[in-house]
Structure formats: structure tokens, C-alpha cells
PDB file of N, CA and C in Angstrom:
ATOM      1  N   UNK A   1     120.289 133.664 128.648  1.00  0.00           N
ATOM      2  CA  UNK A   1     120.957 133.731 127.137  1.00  0.00           C
ATOM      3  C   UNK A   1     120.146 132.970 126.319  1.00  0.00           C
ATOM      4  N   UNK A   2     119.093 131.976 126.341  1.00  0.00           N
ATOM      5  CA  UNK A   2     118.318 131.985 125.287  1.00  0.00           C
ATOM      6  C   UNK A   2     117.931 133.437 124.584  1.00  0.00           C
ATOM      7  N   UNK A   3     117.383 134.366 125.182  1.00  0.00           N
ATOM      8  CA  UNK A   3     116.890 135.433 124.688  1.00  0.00           C
ATOM      9  C   UNK A   3     117.790 136.379 123.992  1.00  0.00           C
ATOM     10  N   UNK A   4     118.634 136.440 124.028  1.00  0.00           N
ATOM     11  CA  UNK A   4     120.128 136.776 123.681  1.00  0.00           C
ATOM     12  C   UNK A   4     120.046 135.848 121.930  1.00  0.00           C
ATOM     13  N   UNK A   5     120.327 135.017 122.516  1.00  0.00           N
ATOM     14  CA  UNK A   5     120.438 133.833 121.273  1.00  0.00           C
ATOM     15  C   UNK A   5     118.907 134.333 120.322  1.00  0.00           C
ATOM     16  N   UNK A   6     117.954 134.381 120.399  1.00  0.00           N
ATOM     17  CA  UNK A   6     116.541 134.524 119.501  1.00  0.00           C
ATOM     18  C   UNK A   6     116.906 136.071 119.170  1.00  0.00           C
ATOM     19  N   UNK A   7     117.048 136.774 119.751  1.00  0.00           N
ATOM     20  CA  UNK A   7     117.618 138.146 119.307  1.00  0.00           C
ATOM     21  C   UNK A   7     118.431 138.518 118.062  1.00  0.00           C
ATOM     22  N   UNK A   8     119.676 137.691 118.568  1.00  0.00           N
ATOM     23  CA  UNK A   8     120.708 137.830 117.611  1.00  0.00           C
ATOM     24  C   UNK A   8     120.169 137.281 116.232  1.00  0.00           C
ATOM     25  N   UNK A   9     119.663 136.056 116.505  1.00  0.00           N
ATOM     26  CA  UNK A   9     119.376 135.425 115.403  1.00  0.00           C
ATOM     27  C   UNK A   9     118.519 135.947 114.655  1.00  0.00           C
ATOM     28  N   UNK A  10     117.718 137.174 115.083  1.00  0.00           N
ATOM     29  CA  UNK A  10     116.497 138.109 114.209  1.00  0.00           C
ATOM     30  C   UNK A  10     116.898 139.023 114.007  1.00  0.00           C
ATOM     31  N   UNK A  11     118.303 139.532 114.164  1.00  0.00           N
ATOM     32  CA  UNK A  11     118.460 140.960 113.825  1.00  0.00           C
ATOM     33  C   UNK A  11     119.923 140.855 112.814  1.00  0.00           C
ATOM     34  N   UNK A  12     119.721 141.653 112.131  1.00  0.00           N
ATOM     35  CA  UNK A  12     121.522 140.941 111.796  1.00  0.00           C
ATOM     36  C   UNK A  12     122.530 142.388 112.236  1.00  0.00           C
ATOM     37  N   UNK A  13     121.975 143.163 112.571  1.00  0.00           N
ATOM     38  CA  UNK A  13     122.925 144.100 114.212  1.00  0.00           C
ATOM     39  C   UNK A  13     122.382 144.551 114.977  1.00  0.00           C
ATOM     40  N   UNK A  14     122.991 144.577 116.126  1.00  0.00           N
ATOM     41  CA  UNK A  14     122.412 144.613 117.502  1.00  0.00           C
ATOM     42  C   UNK A  14     123.226 146.015 118.034  1.00  0.00           C
ATOM     43  N   UNK A  15     122.034 146.656 118.634  1.00  0.00           N
ATOM     44  CA  UNK A  15     122.978 148.129 119.492  1.00  0.00           C
ATOM     45  C   UNK A  15     122.620 147.365 121.085  1.00  0.00           C
ATOM     46  N   UNK A  16     123.409 147.043 121.798  1.00  0.00           N
ATOM     47  CA  UNK A  16     123.061 146.390 122.952  1.00  0.00           C
ATOM     48  C   UNK A  16     123.677 147.293 124.246  1.00  0.00           C
ATOM     49  N   UNK A  17     122.452 147.976 124.939  1.00  0.00           N
ATOM     50  CA  UNK A  17     122.716 148.799 125.646  1.00  0.00           C
ATOM     51  C   UNK A  17     122.511 148.165 127.025  1.00  0.00           C
ATOM     52  N   UNK A  18     122.899 148.888 128.420  1.00  0.00           N
ATOM     53  CA  UNK A  18     122.762 148.671 129.630  1.00  0.00           C
ATOM     54  C   UNK A  18     121.857 149.749 130.769  1.00  0.00           C
ATOM     55  N   UNK A  19     121.780 149.703 131.622  1.00  0.00           N
ATOM     56  CA  UNK A  19     121.137 150.382 132.122  1.00  0.00           C
ATOM     57  C   UNK A  19     122.041 151.090 133.730  1.00  0.00           C
ATOM     58  N   UNK A  20     121.738 151.265 134.826  1.00  0.00           N
ATOM     59  CA  UNK A  20     122.784 151.599 136.123  1.00  0.00           C
ATOM     60  C   UNK A  20     122.331 150.953 137.053  1.00  0.00           C
ATOM     61  N   UNK A  21     123.391 151.564 137.863  1.00  0.00           N
ATOM     62  CA  UNK A  21     122.843 151.239 139.763  1.00  0.00           C
ATOM     63  C   UNK A  21     122.206 149.872 140.035  1.00  0.00           C
ATOM     64  N   UNK A  22     122.932 149.257 139.333  1.00  0.00           N
ATOM     65  CA  UNK A  22     122.860 147.336 139.597  1.00  0.00           C
ATOM     66  C   UNK A  22     124.058 147.319 140.525  1.00  0.00           C
ATOM     67  N   UNK A  23     124.752 146.322 141.081  1.00  0.00           N
ATOM     68  CA  UNK A  23     125.431 145.725 142.052  1.00  0.00           C
ATOM     69  C   UNK A  23     126.533 145.594 140.765  1.00  0.00           C
ATOM     70  N   UNK A  24     127.740 145.333 141.287  1.00  0.00           N
ATOM     71  CA  UNK A  24     129.336 145.064 140.220  1.00  0.00           C
ATOM     72  C   UNK A  24     129.387 143.650 139.957  1.00  0.00           C
ATOM     73  N   UNK A  25     128.499 142.767 141.044  1.00  0.00           N
ATOM     74  CA  UNK A  25     128.682 141.455 140.441  1.00  0.00           C
ATOM     75  C   UNK A  25     127.613 141.268 139.472  1.00  0.00           C
ATOM     76  N   UNK A  26     126.417 141.371 140.097  1.00  0.00           N
ATOM     77  CA  UNK A  26     125.227 140.991 138.711  1.00  0.00           C
ATOM     78  C   UNK A  26     125.991 141.927 137.563  1.00  0.00           C
ATOM     79  N   UNK A  27     125.846 143.178 137.470  1.00  0.00           N
ATOM     80  CA  UNK A  27     126.520 143.797 136.416  1.00  0.00           C
ATOM     81  C   UNK A  27     127.623 142.706 135.393  1.00  0.00           C
ATOM     82  N   UNK A  28     128.718 142.377 135.991  1.00  0.00           N
ATOM     83  CA  UNK A  28     129.666 141.578 135.810  1.00  0.00           C
ATOM     84  C   UNK A  28     129.586 140.367 134.937  1.00  0.00           C
ATOM     85  N   UNK A  29     128.596 139.887 135.416  1.00  0.00           N
ATOM     86  CA  UNK A  29     128.244 138.888 134.629  1.00  0.00           C
ATOM     87  C   UNK A  29     127.080 138.386 134.156  1.00  0.00           C
ATOM     88  N   UNK A  30     126.158 139.437 133.967  1.00  0.00           N
ATOM     89  CA  UNK A  30     125.257 139.594 133.166  1.00  0.00           C
ATOM     90  C   UNK A  30     125.798 139.893 131.491  1.00  0.00           C
ATOM     91  N   UNK A  31     126.635 140.944 131.729  1.00  0.00           N
ATOM     92  CA  UNK A  31     127.349 141.396 130.605  1.00  0.00           C
ATOM     93  C   UNK A  31     128.565 140.238 129.832  1.00  0.00           C
ATOM     94  N   UNK A  32     128.696 139.489 130.913  1.00  0.00           N
ATOM     95  CA  UNK A  32     129.847 138.753 130.325  1.00  0.00           C
ATOM     96  C   UNK A  32     129.008 137.686 129.345  1.00  0.00           C
ATOM     97  N   UNK A  33     128.198 137.142 129.806  1.00  0.00           N
ATOM     98  CA  UNK A  33     127.391 136.160 129.679  1.00  0.00           C
ATOM     99  C   UNK A  33     126.377 136.351 128.312  1.00  0.00           C
ATOM    100  N   UNK A  34     126.281 137.719 128.155  1.00  0.00           N
ATOM    101  CA  UNK A  34     125.331 138.428 126.978  1.00  0.00           C
ATOM    102  C   UNK A  34     126.335 138.803 126.023  1.00  0.00           C
ATOM    103  N   UNK A  35     127.663 138.830 126.532  1.00  0.00           N
ATOM    104  CA  UNK A  35     128.632 139.333 125.267  1.00  0.00           C
ATOM    105  C   UNK A  35     129.151 138.066 124.938  1.00  0.00           C
ATOM    106  N   UNK A  36     129.076 136.494 125.868  1.00  0.00           N
ATOM    107  CA  UNK A  36     130.081 135.695 125.373  1.00  0.00           C
ATOM    108  C   UNK A  36     128.462 135.046 123.866  1.00  0.00           C
ATOM    109  N   UNK A  37     127.580 134.616 124.344  1.00  0.00           N
ATOM    110  CA  UNK A  37     125.939 134.924 123.536  1.00  0.00           C
ATOM    111  C   UNK A  37     126.516 135.101 122.075  1.00  0.00           C
ATOM    112  N   UNK A  38     126.299 136.736 122.312  1.00  0.00           N
ATOM    113  CA  UNK A  38     126.260 136.963 121.010  1.00  0.00           C
ATOM    114  C   UNK A  38     127.613 136.880 120.257  1.00  0.00           C
ATOM    115  N   UNK A  39     128.397 136.659 120.383  1.00  0.00           N
ATOM    116  CA  UNK A  39     129.537 136.199 119.680  1.00  0.00           C
ATOM    117  C   UNK A  39     130.045 134.584 120.245  1.00  0.00           C
ATOM    118  N   UNK A  40     129.143 133.800 120.289  1.00  0.00           N
ATOM    119  CA  UNK A  40     129.014 132.509 119.845  1.00  0.00           C
ATOM    120  C   UNK A  40     129.782 131.619 120.574  1.00  0.00           C
ATOM    121  N   UNK A  41     130.346 132.511 122.157  1.00  0.00           N
ATOM    122  CA  UNK A  41     131.442 131.905 123.143  1.00  0.00           C
ATOM    123  C   UNK A  41     130.764 130.865 124.004  1.00  0.00           C
ATOM    124  N   UNK A  42     131.605 129.839 124.407  1.00  0.00           N
ATOM    125  CA  UNK A  42     130.253 129.232 125.591  1.00  0.00           C
ATOM    126  C   UNK A  42     130.688 129.191 126.517  1.00  0.00           C
ATOM    127  N   UNK A  43     129.888 129.630 127.434  1.00  0.00           N
ATOM    128  CA  UNK A  43     130.020 130.016 128.818  1.00  0.00           C
ATOM    129  C   UNK A  43     130.422 128.931 129.918  1.00  0.00           C
ATOM    130  N   UNK A  44     131.482 128.811 130.326  1.00  0.00           N
ATOM    131  CA  UNK A  44     131.891 128.013 131.443  1.00  0.00           C
ATOM    132  C   UNK A  44     130.601 127.642 132.382  1.00  0.00           C
ATOM    133  N   UNK A  45     130.843 126.269 132.903  1.00  0.00           N
ATOM    134  CA  UNK A  45     129.986 125.894 134.032  1.00  0.00           C
ATOM    135  C   UNK A  45     130.635 126.992 134.996  1.00  0.00           C
ATOM    136  N   UNK A  46     131.791 126.469 135.448  1.00  0.00           N
ATOM    137  CA  UNK A  46     132.566 127.251 137.012  1.00  0.00           C
ATOM    138  C   UNK A  46     133.708 128.303 135.746  1.00  0.00           C
ATOM    139  N   UNK A  47     133.694 129.434 136.457  1.00  0.00           N
ATOM    140  CA  UNK A  47     134.547 130.551 136.123  1.00  0.00           C
ATOM    141  C   UNK A  47     135.838 129.927 136.179  1.00  0.00           C
ATOM    142  N   UNK A  48     136.801 130.019 134.830  1.00  0.00           N
ATOM    143  CA  UNK A  48     137.918 130.168 134.818  1.00  0.00           C
ATOM    144  C   UNK A  48     139.101 130.647 136.853  1.00  0.00           C
ATOM    145  N   UNK A  49     139.974 130.700 137.617  1.00  0.00           N
ATOM    146  CA  UNK A  49     140.647 131.378 138.405  1.00  0.00           C
ATOM    147  C   UNK A  49     141.079 132.751 137.944  1.00  0.00           C
ATOM    148  N   UNK A  50     140.908 133.276 136.428  1.00  0.00           N
ATOM    149  CA  UNK A  50     141.260 134.781 136.557  1.00  0.00           C
ATOM    150  C   UNK A  50     140.077 135.569 136.550  1.00  0.00           C
ATOM    151  N   UNK A  51     138.912 134.405 135.802  1.00  0.00           N
ATOM    152  CA  UNK A  51     137.053 135.410 135.825  1.00  0.00           C
ATOM    153  C   UNK A  51     136.875 135.404 138.044  1.00  0.00           C
ATOM    154  N   UNK A  52     137.215 134.591 138.438  1.00  0.00           N
ATOM    155  CA  UNK A  52     136.903 134.359 139.927  1.00  0.00           C
ATOM    156  C   UNK A  52     137.502 135.175 140.374  1.00  0.00           C
ATOM    157  N   UNK A  53     139.125 135.777 140.402  1.00  0.00           N
ATOM    158  CA  UNK A  53     139.871 136.385 141.120  1.00  0.00           C
ATOM    159  C   UNK A  53     139.112 138.073 141.022  1.00  0.00           C
ATOM    160  N   UNK A  54     138.422 138.382 140.103  1.00  0.00           N
ATOM    161  CA  UNK A  54     138.294 139.887 139.124  1.00  0.00           C
ATOM    162  C   UNK A  54     136.843 139.718 140.182  1.00  0.00           C
ATOM    163  N   UNK A  55     136.281 139.111 139.962  1.00  0.00           N
ATOM    164  CA  UNK A  55     134.730 138.943 140.760  1.00  0.00           C
ATOM    165  C   UNK A  55     134.859 139.401 142.389  1.00  0.00           C
ATOM    166  N   UNK A  56     135.958 138.455 142.690  1.00  0.00           N
ATOM    167  CA  UNK A  56     136.121 138.657 144.201  1.00  0.00           C
ATOM    168  C   UNK A  56     137.109 139.938 144.267  1.00  0.00           C
ATOM    169  N   UNK A  57     137.701 140.363 143.737  1.00  0.00           N
ATOM    170  CA  UNK A  57     137.698 141.815 143.722  1.00  0.00           C
ATOM    171  C   UNK A  57     137.329 142.966 143.367  1.00  0.00           C
ATOM    172  N   UNK A  58     135.933 142.826 143.582  1.00  0.00           N
ATOM    173  CA  UNK A  58     134.933 143.835 143.619  1.00  0.00           C
ATOM    174  C   UNK A  58     134.801 144.372 144.667  1.00  0.00           C
ATOM    175  N   UNK A  59     134.078 145.222 145.245  1.00  0.00           N
ATOM    176  CA  UNK A  59     134.001 145.863 146.349  1.00  0.00           C
ATOM    177  C   UNK A  59     132.616 147.152 145.587  1.00  0.00           C
ATOM    178  N   UNK A  60     131.501 146.770 146.711  1.00  0.00           N
ATOM    179  CA  UNK A  60     130.120 147.955 146.612  1.00  0.00           C
ATOM    180  C   UNK A  60     130.222 148.335 147.799  1.00  0.00           C
ATOM    181  N   UNK A  61     129.753 150.041 148.620  1.00  0.00           N
ATOM    182  CA  UNK A  61     129.563 150.202 149.581  1.00  0.00           C
ATOM    183  C   UNK A  61     128.198 150.061 150.139  1.00  0.00           C
ATOM    184  N   UNK A  62     127.455 149.631 149.041  1.00  0.00           N
ATOM    185  CA  UNK A  62     125.890 149.283 149.656  1.00  0.00           C
ATOM    186  C   UNK A  62     126.029 147.762 149.789  1.00  0.00           C
ATOM    187  N   UNK A  63     126.850 147.107 150.344  1.00  0.00           N
ATOM    188  CA  UNK A  63     126.715 145.801 150.724  1.00  0.00           C
ATOM    189  C   UNK A  63     127.482 145.540 151.881  1.00  0.00           C
ATOM    190  N   UNK A  64     127.916 146.648 152.735  1.00  0.00           N
ATOM    191  CA  UNK A  64     128.369 146.248 153.853  1.00  0.00           C
ATOM    192  C   UNK A  64     128.062 144.788 154.916  1.00  0.00           C
ATOM    193  N   UNK A  65     129.320 143.986 154.860  1.00  0.00           N
ATOM    194  CA  UNK A  65     128.568 143.230 156.372  1.00  0.00           C
ATOM    195  C   UNK A  65     127.733 142.418 155.185  1.00  0.00           C
ATOM    196  N   UNK A  66     127.640 142.233 154.404  1.00  0.00           N
ATOM    197  CA  UNK A  66     126.693 141.172 153.840  1.00  0.00           C
ATOM    198  C   UNK A  66     127.737 140.086 153.065  1.00  0.00           C
ATOM    199  N   UNK A  67     126.242 139.001 153.437  1.00  0.00           N
ATOM    200  CA  UNK A  67     127.713 137.469 152.773  1.00  0.00           C
ATOM    201  C   UNK A  67     127.203 137.490 151.252  1.00  0.00           C
ATOM    202  N   UNK A  68     127.664 137.466 150.282  1.00  0.00           N
ATOM    203  CA  UNK A  68     127.962 137.629 149.241  1.00  0.00           C
ATOM    204  C   UNK A  68     127.323 135.707 148.716  1.00  0.00           C
ATOM    205  N   UNK A  69     126.032 135.213 148.014  1.00  0.00           N
ATOM    206  CA  UNK A  69     126.483 134.058 147.514  1.00  0.00           C
ATOM    207  C   UNK A  69     127.430 133.694 146.831  1.00  0.00           C
ATOM    208  N   UNK A  70     128.042 131.859 147.131  1.00  0.00           N
ATOM    209  CA  UNK A  70     129.641 132.084 146.701  1.00  0.00           C
ATOM    210  C   UNK A  70     129.561 132.000 145.326  1.00  0.00           C
ATOM    211  N   UNK A  71     128.136 131.706 144.401  1.00  0.00           N
ATOM    212  CA  UNK A  71     128.525 131.646 143.013  1.00  0.00           C
ATOM    213  C   UNK A  71     128.234 132.647 141.867  1.00  0.00           C
ATOM    214  N   UNK A  72     128.191 133.862 143.033  1.00  0.00           N
ATOM    215  CA  UNK A  72     128.633 135.250 142.390  1.00  0.00           C
ATOM    216  C   UNK A  72     129.714 135.638 141.722  1.00  0.00           C
ATOM    217  N   UNK A  73     130.800 134.811 142.913  1.00  0.00           N
ATOM    218  CA  UNK A  73     131.956 134.844 142.155  1.00  0.00           C
ATOM    219  C   UNK A  73     132.719 133.851 141.374  1.00  0.00           C
ATOM    220  N   UNK A  74     132.077 132.453 141.243  1.00  0.00           N
ATOM    221  CA  UNK A  74     132.144 131.428 140.422  1.00  0.00           C
ATOM    222  C   UNK A  74     131.794 131.012 139.461  1.00  0.00           C
ATOM    223  N   UNK A  75     130.007 131.885 139.097  1.00  0.00           N
ATOM    224  CA  UNK A  75     129.746 131.383 137.403  1.00  0.00           C
ATOM    225  C   UNK A  75     129.085 132.292 137.081  1.00  0.00           C
ATOM    226  N   UNK A  76     129.057 131.897 135.811  1.00  0.00           N
ATOM    227  CA  UNK A  76     128.111 133.690 135.483  1.00  0.00           C
ATOM    228  C   UNK A  76     126.780 133.557 135.254  1.00  0.00           C
ATOM    229  N   UNK A  77     125.865 132.261 135.293  1.00  0.00           N
ATOM    230  CA  UNK A  77     124.746 131.989 135.134  1.00  0.00           C
ATOM    231  C   UNK A  77     123.815 132.101 136.870  1.00  0.00           C
ATOM    232  N   UNK A  78     122.826 132.755 137.214  1.00  0.00           N
ATOM    233  CA  UNK A  78     122.248 132.356 138.607  1.00  0.00           C
ATOM    234  C   UNK A  78     121.962 130.700 138.626  1.00  0.00           C
ATOM    235  N   UNK A  79     121.578 130.751 139.735  1.00  0.00           N
ATOM    236  CA  UNK A  79     121.372 129.271 140.101  1.00  0.00           C
ATOM    237  C   UNK A  79     119.922 128.736 139.607  1.00  0.00           C
ATOM    238  N   UNK A  80     119.258 128.021 138.845  1.00  0.00           N
ATOM    239  CA  UNK A  80     118.103 127.678 138.683  1.00  0.00           C
ATOM    240  C   UNK A  80     117.103 128.307 139.705  1.00  0.00           C
ATOM    241  N   UNK A  81     115.936 129.166 139.118  1.00  0.00           N
ATOM    242  CA  UNK A  81     115.027 128.641 140.147  1.00  0.00           C
ATOM    243  C   UNK A  81     113.853 128.618 139.697  1.00  0.00           C
ATOM    244  N   UNK A  82     112.776 128.032 140.692  1.00  0.00           N
ATOM    245  CA  UNK A  82     110.991 127.951 140.549  1.00  0.00           C
ATOM    246  C   UNK A  82     110.789 129.116 139.641  1.00  0.00           C
ATOM    247  N   UNK A  83     110.439 129.618 138.913  1.00  0.00           N
ATOM    248  CA  UNK A  83     109.397 130.796 138.155  1.00  0.00           C
ATOM    249  C   UNK A  83     108.583 131.226 139.155  1.00  0.00           C
ATOM    250  N   UNK A  84     108.295 132.452 138.968  1.00  0.00           N
ATOM    251  CA  UNK A  84     107.231 133.210 139.855  1.00  0.00           C
ATOM    252  C   UNK A  84     106.104 133.262 138.865  1.00  0.00           C
ATOM    253  N   UNK A  85     104.564 133.343 139.423  1.00  0.00           N
ATOM    254  CA  UNK A  85     103.924 133.213 138.254  1.00  0.00           C
ATOM    255  C   UNK A  85     103.660 134.813 137.525  1.00  0.00           C
ATOM    256  N   UNK A  86     103.085 134.938 136.677  1.00  0.00           N
ATOM    257  CA  UNK A  86     103.161 136.110 136.357  1.00  0.00           C
ATOM    258  C   UNK A  86     102.006 136.921 136.204  1.00  0.00           C
ATOM    259  N   UNK A  87     101.035 137.977 136.230  1.00  0.00           N
ATOM    260  CA  UNK A  87     100.667 138.721 136.636  1.00  0.00           C
ATOM    261  C   UNK A  87      98.828 138.017 135.133  1.00  0.00           C
ATOM    262  N   UNK A  88      98.253 138.083 135.131  1.00  0.00           N
ATOM    263  CA  UNK A  88      97.510 137.612 134.329  1.00  0.00           C
ATOM    264  C   UNK A  88      97.218 138.184 132.887  1.00  0.00           C
ATOM    265  N   UNK A  89      97.648 139.163 133.365  1.00  0.00           N
ATOM    266  CA  UNK A  89      97.431 140.245 131.780  1.00  0.00           C
ATOM    267  C   UNK A  89      98.558 139.726 131.360  1.00  0.00           C
ATOM    268  N   UNK A  90      99.826 139.928 131.687  1.00  0.00           N
ATOM    269  CA  UNK A  90     100.883 139.319 130.675  1.00  0.00           C
ATOM    270  C   UNK A  90     100.916 138.530 130.099  1.00  0.00           C
ATOM    271  N   UNK A  91     100.499 137.325 130.643  1.00  0.00           N
ATOM    272  CA  UNK A  91      99.601 136.030 129.573  1.00  0.00           C
ATOM    273  C   UNK A  91      98.858 136.758 128.154  1.00  0.00           C
ATOM    274  N   UNK A  92      98.098 137.414 128.937  1.00  0.00           N
ATOM    275  CA  UNK A  92      97.245 137.909 128.027  1.00  0.00           C
ATOM    276  C   UNK A  92      97.903 138.670 126.815  1.00  0.00           C
ATOM    277  N   UNK A  93      98.855 139.907 127.197  1.00  0.00           N
ATOM    278  CA  UNK A  93      99.946 140.426 126.211  1.00  0.00           C
ATOM    279  C   UNK A  93     100.652 139.132 125.686  1.00  0.00           C
ATOM    280  N   UNK A  94     101.509 138.436 126.047  1.00  0.00           N
ATOM    281  CA  UNK A  94     102.140 137.435 125.096  1.00  0.00           C
ATOM    282  C   UNK A  94     101.160 136.603 124.022  1.00  0.00           C
ATOM    283  N   UNK A  95     100.024 136.332 124.520  1.00  0.00           N
ATOM    284  CA  UNK A  95      99.160 135.436 123.909  1.00  0.00           C
ATOM    285  C   UNK A  95      99.160 136.515 122.746  1.00  0.00           C
ATOM    286  N   UNK A  96      98.704 137.469 122.737  1.00  0.00           N
ATOM    287  CA  UNK A  96      98.418 138.382 121.361  1.00  0.00           C
ATOM    288  C   UNK A  96      99.528 138.912 120.324  1.00  0.00           C
ATOM    289  N   UNK A  97     100.627 138.339 121.565  1.00  0.00           N
ATOM    290  CA  UNK A  97     101.927 138.966 120.130  1.00  0.00           C
ATOM    291  C   UNK A  97     102.339 137.488 119.399  1.00  0.00           C
ATOM    292  N   UNK A  98     101.497 136.544 119.878  1.00  0.00           N
ATOM    293  CA  UNK A  98     101.840 134.879 119.384  1.00  0.00           C
ATOM    294  C   UNK A  98     103.082 134.379 120.222  1.00  0.00           C
ATOM    295  N   UNK A  99     103.247 134.524 121.474  1.00  0.00           N
ATOM    296  CA  UNK A  99     104.725 134.412 122.065  1.00  0.00           C
ATOM    297  C   UNK A  99     104.248 132.984 122.585  1.00  0.00           C
ATOM    298  N   UNK A 100     104.912 131.696 122.568  1.00  0.00           N
ATOM    299  CA  UNK A 100     104.434 130.364 123.407  1.00  0.00           C
ATOM    300  C   UNK A 100     103.924 130.879 124.945  1.00  0.00           C
TER     301      UNK A 100
END
């Protein structure tokens, strides 16, 4: 959400578009977080019961029999993970653009 906050602060107006083909849990959680951040709404660490019920009510035929992580139902944010190292050319591009 830090990226969304930075973009919001840089631009007077934003047109935010999404793609397709994503599972409904990722899509709902991602867009909820983006929408909240764009509107200055704090995202709770644990979703209220109504939000959790919406996520638990979703179904997608590409996941038959697969157990979903519990946090996909109860949070908007993914669990913290160690970032994978970026390819060297990514660091070169970032440095050229002035990114930290």
C-alpha cells in the first residue's frame, strides 16, 4: 500500500485499472486495500465478520480440493515474506531512475 500512497501523493487525479484472470480472493483483497488507501481509510489487521463472510463465500473452479491459507479469508494484506532478490538489471534500472 506504500506504493499506492506515494502515487496518490504525486498525482492530482488517478485512473486505477486492473487486469484479469486472477483468483477472486486475491482480487478482492488487493482492490479493497487499494481503494482504502486511495481514500485514506485504515485497513484493519483482521477483517470484520461481514468482510470475512464475503471472502468465505467466494468460489473458483480452478482450485478444486485445494486448501486456501486462512489469512486469505481474514485479512487484506498478505503475510510478510522475505523478498526474493531482484535480477541485477533491475537494480541498474532503479538506480538510473533515482530510486533508493
